[in-house]
Protein backbone atom coordinates (compact mmCIF):
# COMPACT_ATOMS: atom_id res chain seq x y z
CA MET A 1 0.11 -0.06 0.14
CA SER A 2 1.23 3.18 -1.02
CA ILE A 3 2.13 5.57 2.39
CA ALA A 4 0.20 8.40 0.79
CA ASN A 5 -2.85 6.18 2.02
CA ARG A 6 -1.38 5.30 5.32
CA ARG A 7 -2.75 6.57 8.98
CA TRP A 8 -1.47 6.70 12.27
CA ARG A 9 -3.72 6.29 14.96
CA GLY A 10 -6.54 7.45 12.76
CA GLN A 11 -5.00 10.52 11.88
CA PRO A 12 -4.10 11.44 8.01
CA PHE A 13 -0.41 12.16 7.12
CA ASP A 14 0.46 15.52 7.22
CA SER A 15 1.25 16.61 3.55
CA ASN A 16 3.68 19.41 4.30
CA ARG A 17 7.20 16.82 3.39
CA GLN A 18 8.88 16.04 0.45
CA ILE A 19 8.95 12.53 -0.89
CA ILE A 20 12.19 10.25 -2.19
CA VAL A 21 11.17 7.66 -4.57
CA CYS A 22 13.67 5.10 -4.80
CA HIS A 23 13.97 2.97 -8.42
CA ASP A 24 15.84 -0.29 -8.87
CA ALA A 25 16.15 -1.22 -12.48
CA ALA A 26 14.45 -4.35 -12.43
CA GLU A 27 11.98 -3.45 -10.02
CA SER A 28 9.20 -1.76 -9.11
CA PRO A 29 9.71 2.03 -7.29
CA LEU A 30 9.94 1.53 -3.60
CA PRO A 31 8.34 4.76 -1.67
CA CYS A 32 11.50 6.08 1.04
CA THR A 33 10.93 9.75 2.87
CA LYS A 34 13.12 11.74 3.15
CA ILE A 35 12.12 14.84 6.32
CA THR A 36 13.54 18.49 5.57
CA GLY A 37 13.80 20.89 8.27
CA GLY A 38 12.76 20.75 11.62
CA GLN A 39 13.52 18.61 14.59
CA GLY A 40 14.76 14.91 13.97
CA SER A 41 15.36 15.40 10.23
CA LEU A 42 16.52 12.25 8.26
CA PRO A 43 20.02 11.92 6.55
CA SER A 44 20.08 12.60 2.70
CA PRO A 45 19.33 10.52 1.30
CA SER A 46 17.70 7.59 3.23
CA CYS A 47 15.47 5.24 3.20
CA ALA A 48 13.53 5.24 6.60
CA GLN A 49 12.43 1.70 7.63
CA PRO A 50 10.62 0.52 10.92
CA ALA A 51 13.27 -1.07 13.31
CA SER A 52 10.82 -4.05 13.77
CA ALA A 53 10.94 -4.46 9.83
CA ALA A 54 14.22 -3.77 9.26
CA ASN A 55 15.38 -6.58 11.77
CA THR A 56 13.22 -8.95 10.80
CA THR A 57 15.49 -12.27 10.18
CA GLY A 58 15.04 -15.39 8.23
CA ALA A 59 12.45 -13.15 5.61
CA SER A 60 12.82 -13.15 1.94
CA SER A 61 13.59 -10.29 0.15
CA ALA A 62 10.33 -9.60 -1.08
CA SER A 63 8.61 -9.89 2.20
CA ARG A 64 11.21 -7.21 3.33
CA ARG A 65 10.65 -5.30 0.70
CA SER A 66 6.76 -5.21 1.26
CA ALA A 67 7.52 -4.54 5.09
CA GLY A 68 9.30 -1.60 4.41
CA MET A 69 7.23 -0.05 2.29
CA ARG A 70 4.41 -0.01 5.07
CA PHE A 71 5.77 3.31 7.45
CA LEU A 72 5.35 6.11 8.87
CA VAL A 73 6.94 9.61 9.31
CA GLU A 74 6.65 12.74 10.77
CA ALA A 75 6.27 16.21 9.42
CA PRO A 76 8.88 18.88 10.00
CA GLY A 77 8.83 20.23 13.15
CA ARG A 78 6.64 18.40 14.52
CA LYS A 79 7.68 16.36 17.57
CA ARG A 80 7.97 12.59 17.77
CA SER A 81 5.03 10.92 19.94
CA ALA A 82 6.40 8.94 22.40
CA HIS A 83 4.49 5.58 20.87
CA SER A 84 6.18 6.53 17.65
CA PRO A 85 8.37 3.33 16.52
CA ALA A 86 11.91 3.26 16.29
CA TRP A 87 13.16 4.55 13.26
CA ARG A 88 16.32 2.36 11.14
CA ILE A 89 18.45 4.67 8.77
CA ALA A 90 19.12 2.60 5.95
CA PRO A 91 21.39 4.06 3.10
CA CYS A 92 19.63 3.49 0.15
CA ARG A 93 22.41 1.52 -1.21
CA SER A 94 22.01 0.26 -5.23
CA TRP A 95 18.90 2.31 -5.05
CA ILE A 96 18.67 5.40 -6.66
CA ALA A 97 16.63 8.22 -5.34
CA ALA A 98 14.99 10.53 -7.20
CA ARG A 99 13.40 13.32 -6.13
CA VAL A 100 9.88 14.23 -6.69
CA ASP A 101 8.41 17.62 -5.36
CA SER A 102 4.84 16.69 -3.82
CA PRO A 103 3.41 19.68 -2.24
CA THR A 104 0.85 17.31 -1.03
CA VAL A 105 0.20 13.96 -0.49
CA ASN A 106 -3.28 12.30 -1.54
CA THR A 107 -5.36 11.35 1.70
CA ASP A 108 -8.63 10.96 -0.51
CA THR A 109 -7.99 8.66 -3.18
CA ARG A 110 -11.20 7.84 -5.31
CA PRO A 111 -10.67 4.27 -6.78
CA LEU A 112 -14.00 3.84 -7.92
CA LEU A 113 -14.84 6.92 -9.45
CA ALA A 114 -11.70 6.28 -11.20
CA LEU A 115 -12.81 3.20 -12.35
CA ALA A 116 -16.17 4.04 -13.66
CA ALA A 117 -14.95 6.81 -15.51
CA THR A 118 -11.78 5.32 -17.44
CA LEU A 119 -14.53 1.86 -18.08
CA SER A 120 -17.19 4.19 -19.61
CA VAL A 121 -14.81 5.38 -21.92
CA GLN A 122 -13.28 2.57 -23.19
CA THR A 123 -16.66 0.72 -23.41
CA PHE A 124 -18.14 3.70 -25.51
CA GLY A 125 -14.56 3.93 -27.14
CA SER A 126 -14.50 0.52 -28.15
CA MET A 127 -17.73 0.49 -29.18
CA VAL A 128 -17.63 3.00 -31.82
CA LEU A 129 -14.25 1.38 -33.13
CA SER A 130 -16.01 -1.94 -33.44
CA ILE A 131 -19.17 -0.64 -35.55
CA PRO A 132 -17.52 -1.34 -39.39
CA SER A 133 -16.73 -4.83 -38.37
CA VAL A 134 -20.16 -5.42 -37.14
CA ILE A 135 -21.64 -4.05 -39.98
CA ALA A 136 -19.36 -4.42 -42.92
CA PRO A 137 -20.67 -7.65 -44.40
CA ALA A 138 -24.28 -6.07 -44.93
CA VAL A 139 -23.37 -2.41 -45.43
CA ALA A 140 -20.20 -2.82 -47.50
CA PRO A 141 -21.53 -3.79 -50.44
CA SER A 142 -24.32 -1.40 -50.96
CA LEU A 143 -21.59 1.09 -51.00
CA GLY A 144 -19.20 -0.44 -53.51
CA LEU A 145 -16.98 -1.97 -50.93
CA GLY A 146 -16.10 -5.88 -50.07
CA ALA A 147 -16.41 -6.77 -46.85
CA ASP A 148 -12.54 -7.40 -46.31
CA ARG A 149 -11.59 -3.58 -46.99
CA VAL A 150 -13.25 -3.30 -43.23
CA GLY A 151 -9.36 -4.10 -42.25
CA LEU A 152 -7.85 -0.91 -43.93
CA PHE A 153 -10.77 1.11 -42.09
CA VAL A 154 -9.37 -0.65 -38.93
CA GLY A 155 -5.54 -0.12 -39.74
CA ILE A 156 -5.88 3.64 -40.27
CA ALA A 157 -7.92 4.34 -37.11
CA TYR A 158 -4.88 2.22 -35.32
CA PHE A 159 -2.19 4.43 -37.07
CA ALA A 160 -3.90 7.38 -35.79
CA ALA A 161 -4.58 5.85 -32.45
CA MET A 162 -0.21 5.20 -32.31
CA LEU A 163 0.49 8.98 -33.25
CA SER A 164 -2.25 10.50 -30.34
CA GLY A 165 -0.87 8.06 -28.16
CA LEU A 166 2.05 9.24 -28.29
CA ALA A 167 1.27 12.80 -27.55
CA SER A 168 -1.34 11.99 -25.05
CA GLY A 169 1.34 12.11 -22.16
CA GLY A 170 1.85 15.73 -22.94
CA TRP A 171 -1.41 16.45 -22.99
CA VAL A 172 -2.43 14.66 -20.03
CA ALA A 173 0.39 16.94 -18.03
CA ARG A 174 -0.73 19.99 -19.37
CA VAL A 175 -4.88 19.83 -19.25
CA GLY A 176 -5.48 16.20 -16.93
CA ALA A 177 -6.38 13.05 -17.96
CA VAL A 178 -9.70 13.37 -17.50
CA ALA A 179 -10.19 16.52 -20.14
CA VAL A 180 -8.22 14.27 -22.39
CA SER A 181 -10.35 11.20 -21.84
CA GLN A 182 -13.30 14.02 -22.71
CA ALA A 183 -11.36 14.59 -26.04
CA ALA A 184 -11.39 10.97 -26.61
CA MET A 185 -14.68 10.76 -26.63
CA ALA A 186 -15.73 14.08 -28.71
CA ALA A 187 -12.90 12.70 -31.29
CA CYS A 188 -15.00 9.07 -31.72
CA ALA A 189 -18.21 11.22 -31.76
CA PHE A 190 -17.01 13.03 -34.63
CA GLY A 191 -15.57 9.79 -36.26
CA ALA A 192 -19.02 8.56 -36.18
CA PHE A 193 -20.95 11.65 -37.67
CA VAL A 194 -18.07 11.64 -40.84
CA ALA A 195 -18.54 8.17 -41.62
CA ILE A 196 -22.36 8.68 -42.09
CA ALA A 197 -21.53 10.37 -45.30
CA GLY A 198 -20.51 6.69 -46.85
CA SER A 199 -17.86 7.79 -49.61
CA PRO A 200 -14.25 6.54 -49.17
CA LEU A 201 -12.74 9.94 -48.54
CA PRO A 202 -15.13 10.24 -45.42
CA LEU A 203 -14.80 7.12 -44.47
CA ALA A 204 -11.38 7.47 -44.26
CA LEU A 205 -11.18 10.77 -42.32
CA ALA A 206 -13.73 8.95 -40.05
CA ALA A 207 -11.01 6.42 -39.00
CA VAL A 208 -8.67 8.99 -38.22
CA LEU A 209 -10.76 10.82 -36.11
CA VAL A 210 -12.07 7.70 -34.06
CA GLY A 211 -8.32 6.22 -34.20
CA ALA A 212 -7.20 9.39 -32.66
CA GLY A 213 -9.37 9.54 -30.00
CA TYR A 214 -9.27 5.99 -28.78
CA GLY A 215 -5.32 6.25 -28.89
CA MET A 216 -5.89 8.59 -26.07
CA ILE A 217 -7.69 6.19 -23.98
CA ASN A 218 -5.14 4.15 -22.43
CA PRO A 219 -2.47 6.81 -21.56
CA THR A 220 -5.43 8.94 -19.75
CA SER A 221 -6.81 5.71 -17.86
CA THR A 222 -3.18 4.53 -16.95
CA SER A 223 -2.76 7.71 -15.37
CA LEU A 224 -6.04 8.08 -13.27
CA LEU A 225 -5.60 4.34 -12.15
CA GLY A 226 -2.39 4.58 -11.37
CA GLN A 227 -3.13 7.50 -9.24
CA HIS A 228 -6.04 6.26 -7.65
CA ALA A 229 -6.15 2.32 -7.43
CA PRO A 230 -4.97 0.42 -4.42
CA ALA A 231 -1.47 -0.68 -5.57
CA SER A 232 -2.00 -4.10 -3.89
CA SER A 233 -5.05 -4.82 -6.36
CA ARG A 234 -3.46 -3.00 -9.23
CA GLY A 235 -3.93 -5.92 -11.61
CA PHE A 236 -7.05 -6.23 -10.76
CA PHE A 237 -8.57 -2.77 -11.30
CA PHE A 238 -6.46 -2.43 -14.78
CA SER A 239 -8.15 -5.58 -15.93
CA LEU A 240 -11.41 -4.38 -14.55
CA LYS A 241 -11.52 -1.34 -16.65
CA GLN A 242 -9.97 -3.26 -19.81
CA THR A 243 -13.34 -5.55 -19.65
CA GLY A 244 -14.37 -2.08 -21.85
CA VAL A 245 -12.88 -3.54 -24.86
CA PRO A 246 -15.18 -6.67 -25.02
CA LEU A 247 -18.08 -5.13 -23.36
CA GLY A 248 -17.78 -2.41 -25.87
CA VAL A 249 -17.36 -4.81 -28.96
CA ALA A 250 -20.39 -6.85 -27.68
CA LEU A 251 -22.47 -3.81 -26.67
CA SER A 252 -21.98 -3.17 -31.10
CA GLY A 253 -22.57 -6.95 -31.81
CA LEU A 254 -25.68 -7.08 -29.83
CA THR A 255 -27.19 -3.46 -31.03
CA MET A 256 -26.21 -3.04 -34.36
CA PRO A 257 -27.81 -5.76 -36.04
CA TRP A 258 -31.09 -4.29 -34.52
CA GLY A 259 -30.37 -0.75 -35.64
CA LEU A 260 -29.32 -1.82 -39.29
CA GLN A 261 -33.38 -3.43 -39.02
CA ALA A 262 -35.02 -1.14 -37.14
CA LEU A 263 -33.55 2.40 -37.98
CA GLY A 264 -30.71 1.48 -40.48
CA TRP A 265 -26.98 2.01 -40.14
CA ARG A 266 -26.55 5.80 -40.72
CA PRO A 267 -29.08 6.88 -37.68
CA SER A 268 -27.77 3.85 -35.53
CA THR A 269 -23.87 4.98 -36.49
CA ALA A 270 -25.26 8.52 -35.11
CA VAL A 271 -27.00 7.45 -32.18
CA ALA A 272 -23.72 5.84 -31.42
CA GLY A 273 -21.79 9.26 -31.66
CA ALA A 274 -24.40 11.01 -29.58
CA ILE A 275 -23.50 8.60 -26.85
CA CYS A 276 -20.27 9.65 -26.83
CA ILE A 277 -20.58 13.21 -26.81
CA LEU A 278 -23.40 12.84 -23.79
CA LEU A 279 -20.29 10.66 -21.76
CA ALA A 280 -17.86 13.77 -22.47
CA LEU A 281 -20.24 16.01 -20.61
CA LEU A 282 -20.89 13.47 -18.25
CA LEU A 283 -17.41 13.50 -17.31
CA TRP A 284 -17.63 17.03 -16.21
CA PRO A 285 -17.53 17.17 -12.68
CA ALA A 286 -15.14 14.35 -12.05
CA ILE A 287 -12.24 16.60 -12.56
CA ALA A 288 -12.70 18.46 -9.77
CA ARG A 289 -12.65 14.90 -7.77
CA LEU A 290 -10.23 12.77 -9.59
CA GLU A 291 -7.72 15.68 -10.42
CA PRO A 292 -8.23 18.59 -8.13
CA ARG A 293 -5.05 20.44 -9.75
CA PHE A 294 -7.45 20.68 -13.14
CA GLY A 295 -10.36 22.04 -11.59
CA ARG A 296 -12.13 25.08 -12.37
CA GLY A 297 -10.04 27.87 -11.67
CA GLN A 298 -6.72 25.54 -11.35
CA ARG A 299 -6.04 24.54 -14.81
CA GLY A 300 -2.46 25.97 -15.82
CA ARG A 301 -1.07 26.70 -12.66
CA SER A 302 1.88 24.92 -10.80
CA ALA A 303 1.07 22.48 -7.95
CA ALA A 304 2.56 24.48 -5.45
CA ALA A 305 0.75 27.42 -6.41
CA VAL A 306 -3.07 25.60 -5.99
CA GLN A 307 -1.03 24.43 -2.93
CA ALA A 308 -0.17 27.90 -1.52
CA ALA A 309 -3.70 29.58 -2.70
CA ASN A 310 -5.54 26.39 -1.06
CA PRO A 311 -3.78 23.82 1.52
CA ALA A 312 -7.10 21.64 1.01
CA VAL A 313 -6.34 20.54 -2.81
CA GLN A 314 -4.56 17.64 -2.66
CA ALA A 315 -2.68 16.25 -5.64
CA PRO A 316 -4.24 12.89 -5.88
CA THR A 317 -2.06 10.54 -6.56
CA GLY A 318 -0.94 6.91 -5.53
CA ALA A 319 2.78 7.97 -5.31
CA VAL A 320 3.21 11.51 -5.93
CA HIS A 321 2.89 14.23 -8.65
CA ALA A 322 5.76 15.86 -10.54
CA SER A 323 6.53 19.44 -9.77
CA ALA A 324 5.93 21.98 -12.42
CA ALA A 325 9.39 21.88 -13.49
CA ASP A 326 9.04 17.98 -13.89
CA ALA A 327 6.05 18.78 -16.03
CA ALA A 328 7.73 20.82 -18.46
CA ALA A 329 10.66 18.05 -19.06
CA PRO A 330 10.11 15.88 -21.83
CA ALA A 331 8.20 12.96 -21.94
CA PRO A 332 9.41 9.87 -22.36
CA GLY A 333 8.84 9.13 -25.67
CA LEU A 334 9.95 5.58 -27.89
CA MET A 335 13.57 6.23 -27.18
CA ALA A 336 12.59 5.52 -23.25
CA VAL A 337 10.75 2.17 -24.45
CA LEU A 338 14.00 1.07 -26.50
CA ARG A 339 16.18 1.98 -23.68
CA ASN A 340 14.51 -0.08 -21.46
CA ARG A 341 14.70 -3.59 -21.88
CA PRO A 342 11.31 -4.99 -19.61
CA VAL A 343 9.15 -2.33 -21.07
CA LEU A 344 10.71 -3.10 -24.87
CA ARG A 345 10.10 -6.64 -24.14
CA LEU A 346 6.41 -5.79 -22.65
CA SER A 347 5.66 -3.87 -25.73
CA LEU A 348 7.31 -6.18 -28.52
CA MET A 349 5.09 -9.00 -26.49
CA SER A 350 2.04 -6.65 -26.76
CA PHE A 351 2.46 -6.13 -30.67
CA THR A 352 2.23 -9.67 -31.55
CA PHE A 353 -0.73 -10.00 -28.98
CA ALA A 354 -2.64 -6.91 -30.36
CA PHE A 355 -2.19 -8.26 -33.93
CA THR A 356 -3.81 -11.52 -32.97
CA GLN A 357 -6.48 -9.58 -30.95
CA LEU A 358 -7.65 -7.43 -33.96
CA CYS A 359 -7.28 -10.28 -36.57
CA PHE A 360 -9.68 -12.29 -34.17
CA VAL A 361 -12.53 -8.83 -33.16
CA THR A 362 -12.27 -7.51 -36.97
CA PHE A 363 -12.69 -11.05 -39.15
CA LEU A 364 -15.02 -13.38 -37.02
CA VAL A 365 -18.41 -12.07 -37.92
CA SER A 366 -17.31 -12.47 -41.89
CA TYR A 367 -15.51 -15.68 -40.90
CA LEU A 368 -18.68 -17.42 -39.44
CA ASN A 369 -21.15 -15.53 -41.91
CA LEU A 370 -19.10 -16.30 -45.47
CA THR A 371 -17.29 -19.35 -44.33
CA LEU A 372 -19.10 -21.12 -42.02
CA GLY A 373 -22.45 -20.15 -43.68
CA ARG A 374 -23.81 -18.59 -39.87
CA SER A 375 -26.36 -15.61 -40.77
CA LEU A 376 -25.34 -12.20 -39.81
CA ALA A 377 -27.29 -11.90 -36.66
CA LEU A 378 -25.82 -14.92 -35.53
CA ALA A 379 -22.46 -14.32 -36.10
CA ALA A 380 -22.48 -11.00 -34.39
CA GLY A 381 -24.22 -12.55 -31.64
CA ILE A 382 -21.78 -15.09 -30.96
CA LEU A 383 -19.04 -12.07 -31.22
CA ALA A 384 -20.88 -10.66 -28.51
CA GLY A 385 -21.47 -13.85 -26.25
CA ALA A 386 -17.67 -14.35 -26.47
CA GLN A 387 -16.77 -11.02 -25.60
CA LEU A 388 -19.45 -11.08 -22.73
CA MET A 389 -17.81 -14.57 -21.60
CA SER A 390 -14.01 -12.73 -21.96
CA THR A 391 -14.74 -10.11 -19.47
CA THR A 392 -14.82 -12.85 -16.79
CA ALA A 393 -11.39 -13.76 -18.01
CA ARG A 394 -9.85 -10.47 -17.91
CA ILE A 395 -10.83 -9.84 -14.16
CA ALA A 396 -9.48 -13.41 -13.70
CA TRP A 397 -6.31 -12.67 -15.04
CA GLY A 398 -5.77 -9.61 -12.82
CA VAL A 399 -6.65 -11.61 -9.63
CA ILE A 400 -4.70 -14.20 -10.30
CA ALA A 401 -1.39 -11.49 -11.03
CA ASP A 402 -1.88 -9.77 -8.31
CA ARG A 403 -2.09 -12.48 -6.24
CA TRP A 404 -0.38 -16.15 -7.35
CA VAL A 405 1.51 -16.06 -10.72
CA ASP A 406 4.24 -13.61 -12.02
CA PRO A 407 2.82 -11.26 -14.60
CA ALA A 408 5.58 -12.28 -16.76
CA VAL A 409 4.64 -15.98 -16.33
CA LEU A 410 1.03 -15.32 -17.01
CA LEU A 411 1.69 -12.90 -20.22
CA GLY A 412 3.48 -15.60 -21.71
CA GLY A 413 1.35 -18.71 -21.03
CA LEU A 414 -1.51 -16.37 -22.34
CA GLY A 415 0.35 -16.02 -25.48
CA LEU A 416 0.81 -19.77 -26.07
CA ALA A 417 -3.29 -20.38 -25.36
CA MET A 418 -3.78 -17.88 -27.67
CA ALA A 419 -1.78 -19.69 -30.32
CA ALA A 420 -3.34 -22.97 -29.51
CA SER A 421 -7.11 -20.66 -29.62
CA SER A 422 -6.64 -19.42 -32.73
CA VAL A 423 -5.61 -22.68 -34.84
CA GLY A 424 -8.77 -24.18 -32.99
CA LEU A 425 -10.84 -21.57 -34.81
CA ALA A 426 -9.27 -21.90 -37.93
CA LEU A 427 -9.86 -25.92 -37.73
CA LEU A 428 -13.35 -25.78 -37.81
CA PRO A 429 -15.40 -27.52 -40.76
CA ALA A 430 -18.22 -25.87 -42.03
CA SER A 431 -20.39 -28.64 -40.85
CA ALA A 432 -19.22 -27.65 -37.21
CA GLY A 433 -22.34 -27.35 -34.65
CA ASP A 434 -23.31 -23.90 -32.95
CA ALA A 435 -22.03 -25.16 -29.80
CA ALA A 436 -18.43 -26.00 -31.11
CA ILE A 437 -18.18 -22.38 -33.33
CA VAL A 438 -19.14 -20.86 -29.68
CA LEU A 439 -16.69 -22.68 -27.54
CA ALA A 440 -13.76 -21.66 -30.00
CA ALA A 441 -14.70 -18.48 -30.15
CA THR A 442 -14.70 -17.70 -26.51
CA ALA A 443 -11.45 -19.24 -26.09
CA CYS A 444 -9.87 -16.89 -28.43
CA ALA A 445 -11.75 -13.86 -26.41
CA ALA A 446 -10.54 -15.33 -23.03
CA THR A 447 -7.27 -15.35 -24.19
CA ALA A 448 -6.78 -13.19 -27.37
CA MET A 449 -8.76 -10.47 -25.38
CA GLY A 450 -7.99 -11.18 -21.90
CA TRP A 451 -4.33 -9.91 -21.51
CA ASN A 452 -4.65 -6.23 -21.64
CA GLY A 453 -5.14 -5.84 -18.19
CA VAL A 454 -2.13 -7.24 -16.93
CA TYR A 455 -0.08 -5.79 -19.93
CA PHE A 456 -1.03 -2.02 -18.59
CA ALA A 457 -0.57 -2.84 -15.03
CA GLU A 458 2.83 -3.79 -15.29
CA LEU A 459 3.45 -1.20 -17.35
CA ALA A 460 2.34 1.12 -14.83
CA ARG A 461 4.71 -1.14 -12.54
CA LEU A 462 7.42 -0.38 -14.51
CA SER A 463 7.20 3.09 -15.00
CA LYS A 464 8.40 6.04 -12.74
CA PRO A 465 6.15 8.15 -10.84
CA GLY A 466 4.55 11.35 -12.90
CA GLU A 467 5.40 9.44 -16.38
CA ALA A 468 2.79 6.44 -16.67
CA ALA A 469 0.55 8.37 -19.43
CA ALA A 470 3.75 9.06 -21.12
CA LEU A 471 5.27 5.76 -20.94
CA ALA A 472 1.66 4.15 -22.21
CA GLY A 473 1.74 6.40 -24.62
CA ALA A 474 5.03 5.51 -25.81
CA SER A 475 4.54 1.96 -25.38
CA GLN A 476 1.00 1.73 -27.04
CA PHE A 477 2.73 2.79 -30.22
CA PHE A 478 3.90 -0.69 -30.57
CA THR A 479 0.51 -2.17 -29.23
CA PHE A 480 -1.26 -0.42 -31.76
CA SER A 481 1.68 -0.96 -34.62
CA GLY A 482 0.03 -4.47 -34.13
CA SER A 483 -3.62 -3.51 -33.89
CA MET A 484 -2.84 -1.70 -37.34
CA ALA A 485 -0.95 -4.27 -39.24
CA GLY A 486 -3.00 -7.42 -38.36
CA PRO A 487 -5.89 -6.08 -39.70
CA ILE A 488 -4.19 -4.66 -43.08
CA VAL A 489 -2.15 -7.90 -43.51
CA PHE A 490 -5.25 -10.53 -42.91
CA ALA A 491 -7.10 -8.41 -45.39
CA GLU A 492 -4.09 -8.75 -47.96
CA ILE A 493 -4.05 -12.60 -47.40
CA ILE A 494 -7.76 -12.93 -48.20
CA GLY A 495 -7.39 -10.70 -51.19
CA HIS A 496 -4.58 -12.63 -52.66
CA GLY A 497 -6.94 -16.04 -52.46
CA GLY A 498 -6.51 -17.20 -49.11
CA THR A 499 -8.89 -18.16 -47.05
CA TYR A 500 -9.92 -17.27 -43.34
CA ALA A 501 -8.79 -20.22 -42.23
CA GLY A 502 -5.76 -20.41 -43.76
CA ALA A 503 -5.01 -17.00 -42.20
CA TYR A 504 -6.31 -17.47 -38.51
CA ALA A 505 -4.09 -20.64 -38.54
CA THR A 506 -0.80 -18.59 -39.92
CA LEU A 507 -1.12 -15.52 -37.23
CA ALA A 508 -0.87 -17.80 -34.48
CA LEU A 509 2.84 -18.41 -35.03
CA LEU A 510 3.57 -14.77 -33.95
CA PRO A 511 2.06 -14.59 -29.99
CA ALA A 512 3.50 -18.45 -29.77
CA ALA A 513 6.53 -16.98 -30.32
CA ALA A 514 5.97 -13.92 -27.98
CA GLY A 515 4.78 -16.32 -25.03
CA LEU A 516 8.11 -18.26 -25.36
CA MET A 517 10.11 -15.13 -25.52
CA MET A 518 7.94 -13.81 -22.19
CA LEU A 519 8.80 -17.01 -20.29
CA ARG A 520 12.42 -17.81 -21.32
CA GLN A 521 12.91 -14.13 -20.06
CA ARG A 522 11.04 -15.11 -16.69
CA ALA A 523 13.54 -18.21 -16.49
CA ARG A 524 16.70 -16.46 -17.24
CA ARG A 525 16.15 -14.24 -14.61
CA ARG A 526 15.31 -16.58 -11.80
CA HIS A 527 18.18 -18.56 -12.95
CA ALA A 528 20.37 -14.98 -12.33
CA GLY A 529 18.50 -14.52 -9.16
CA ALA A 530 19.49 -18.05 -7.98
CA ALA A 531 22.92 -17.16 -8.63
CA ARG A 532 23.45 -14.23 -7.00
CA ALA A 533 22.12 -15.66 -4.09
CA GLU A 534 24.31 -18.31 -3.96
CA GLY A 535 27.19 -16.06 -4.48
CA ARG A 536 26.15 -13.98 -1.20
CA ASP A 537 25.72 -17.56 0.58
CA GLY A 538 29.20 -18.67 -0.63
CA PRO A 539 32.18 -18.76 1.12
């Protein structure tokens, strides 16, 4: 648990202190404290740790690190209580002490509000993006296009998402994550409105607008959940938020076929855009609660200025907010990912997983309708049902990663399961029963669409304080590269005489390779750790 949420004898922490965040190259940030001024100031740099935890013998390094995260500090100038624990001042040693200016420490995180905001944005953004895939078999011929051309729309959208994601970190630093989420919903709405024209050029512009909006969603949600979600349940919160992807796809799959029959595709698409506009407006009151720094009258002011003017205003952070100088510094970009091997490995894995995921979602309805002979309504219903089932899988993977299985091992296993599910889907014969089709689609959805929450939680763990949104946008560049390339490559295979089944079987090679990479690297880390332990215990 973050020190920002700890209380001593029922009293919240005094916020007038500096926070030192210690980082290790291969581990998550470890909170340390530095008290400046007043009586009993601690030496600098130092990691404060309760003597009871520091003197624990026979405990593993992980348990000692966990114990070291639960400590109390006094504000400058305040005398120690007679009941305060004895403090052991331990040098940071290999830990690198990085100062983060934190004029306030959050004592009022709002995890449920942050989850509701990010989940709703993710759901309706995914719904708008998946509409072309659901209606393509019925609508594309009337526009003079082949159903497989939906791959180009999705590819263009994800290219725009790659670029907007890279810029989102800077936007979040300037106007806040909630405001950027509002802009994301507005972009998705305008994209839906433009698509109503139906000709190739407006459709391409619509893809750019929807993709640009979609690319902002993950960096903003990573920032908000990184600030408000409990550290001990981070995987669960991120996975729960990521259920918005299958929920959005399911919502599209359930409502759009009905809308085609009752209203037509143009009014149905316009209604989807109007819902996004409504959500953007509903998010407005959340700014003051989730990001007080960006509330009315505070936007553009530094955290220090806000705190000086109103001591009650807290900078919500699971750890800390960067100072104004830090906010002005260049945000992490692609080079930050390339130089960080754990993040690079995670980003390359996300490329292959996203490649597979988008091929599954984009072409499943066409595959079931055109190859296996199912009706459009049934095919869309199977897709919707599979997505609803995958929401349970996403939550389960998040809980498993939090409590029992190392995230890298879990992601590696999901890669292998994803490959097997894709092959199983490809092997379905035209005579397969509906139950077999549903089972195969559910297996694909649980794996190919179940990994995202664990990935973003692990990415947030590897991020430095204040850089979660920017690093998520940079790593997302690789993710969306796979999302963009997958449908285009799949469509080209079909366009050059290939079959849907053959394409699904071929793409299984990518997640299998990524899964083996993650498992192999985890085995290397474990072996290296064992070797270091033997060296310390040796003569």
